[in-house]
Amino acid sequence: MKKILFFIPIIFLIIATAFTKNSTKKLDKKIFNIKENIRVLEDKYELILLDYNYLTSPKKLMEYQ
């Protein structure tokens, strides 16, 4: 009887640890994907800002006239 009372908490802790590890892996994947999406959007933003600054410079506007 003592052995059963000793092993039940250990088994519960093992299951809880496995569940926590699995949840952490999923969160890490989500964080990685979000960071990658942010990086892609920042790259696009920089290119668009460069185009905007290039096209709206007074010198370029005078050339287009």
Protein backbone atom coordinates (compact mmCIF):
# COMPACT_ATOMS: atom_id res chain seq x y z
CA MET A 1 0.00 0.00 0.00
CA LYS A 2 2.86 2.38 0.81
CA LYS A 3 4.42 1.74 -2.58
CA ILE A 4 1.22 2.68 -4.38
CA LEU A 5 0.95 5.93 -2.41
CA PHE A 6 4.57 6.63 -3.24
CA PHE A 7 4.28 5.96 -7.00
CA ILE A 8 1.00 7.80 -7.68
CA PRO A 9 2.50 11.30 -7.10
CA ILE A 10 5.58 10.37 -9.12
CA ILE A 11 3.45 9.23 -12.06
CA PHE A 12 1.34 12.38 -11.77
CA LEU A 13 4.47 14.54 -11.83
CA ILE A 14 5.81 12.72 -14.90
CA ILE A 15 2.52 13.27 -16.74
CA ALA A 16 2.41 16.93 -15.68
CA THR A 17 5.99 17.43 -16.86
CA ALA A 18 5.24 15.85 -20.23
CA PHE A 19 2.17 18.04 -20.66
CA THR A 20 4.14 21.18 -19.73
CA LYS A 21 6.96 20.32 -22.15
CA ASN A 22 4.50 19.74 -24.97
CA SER A 23 2.74 23.03 -24.31
CA THR A 24 6.05 24.86 -24.19
CA LYS A 25 7.10 23.40 -27.54
CA LYS A 26 3.85 24.58 -29.13
CA LEU A 27 4.31 28.07 -27.70
CA ASP A 28 7.91 28.19 -28.95
CA LYS A 29 6.73 27.27 -32.46
CA LYS A 30 4.07 29.99 -32.37
CA ILE A 31 6.57 32.57 -31.14
CA PHE A 32 9.03 31.59 -33.87
CA ASN A 33 6.36 31.87 -36.57
CA ILE A 34 5.21 35.25 -35.31
CA LYS A 35 8.79 36.55 -35.21
CA GLU A 36 9.35 35.34 -38.76
CA ASN A 37 6.16 37.06 -39.93
CA ILE A 38 7.25 40.27 -38.22
CA ARG A 39 10.65 40.05 -39.89
CA VAL A 40 9.07 39.62 -43.32
CA LEU A 41 6.72 42.54 -42.72
CA GLU A 42 9.61 44.74 -41.54
CA ASP A 43 11.53 43.92 -44.72
CA LYS A 44 8.51 44.85 -46.84
CA TYR A 45 8.04 48.04 -44.85
CA GLU A 46 11.65 49.08 -45.40
CA LEU A 47 11.35 48.50 -49.15
CA ILE A 48 8.09 50.41 -49.37
CA LEU A 49 9.53 53.26 -47.32
CA LEU A 50 12.57 53.36 -49.60
CA ASP A 51 10.31 53.52 -52.67
CA TYR A 52 8.19 56.23 -51.08
CA ASN A 53 11.21 58.33 -50.13
CA TYR A 54 12.75 57.88 -53.55
CA LEU A 55 9.60 58.71 -55.46
CA THR A 56 8.60 61.69 -53.35
CA SER A 57 11.94 63.45 -53.25
CA PRO A 58 11.75 66.95 -54.77
CA LYS A 59 14.47 66.13 -57.25
CA LYS A 60 12.55 63.12 -58.61
CA LEU A 61 9.28 65.05 -58.71
CA MET A 62 10.92 67.72 -60.83
CA GLU A 63 12.22 65.04 -63.19
CA TYR A 64 8.74 63.58 -63.57
CA GLN A 65 7.27 66.97 -64.50
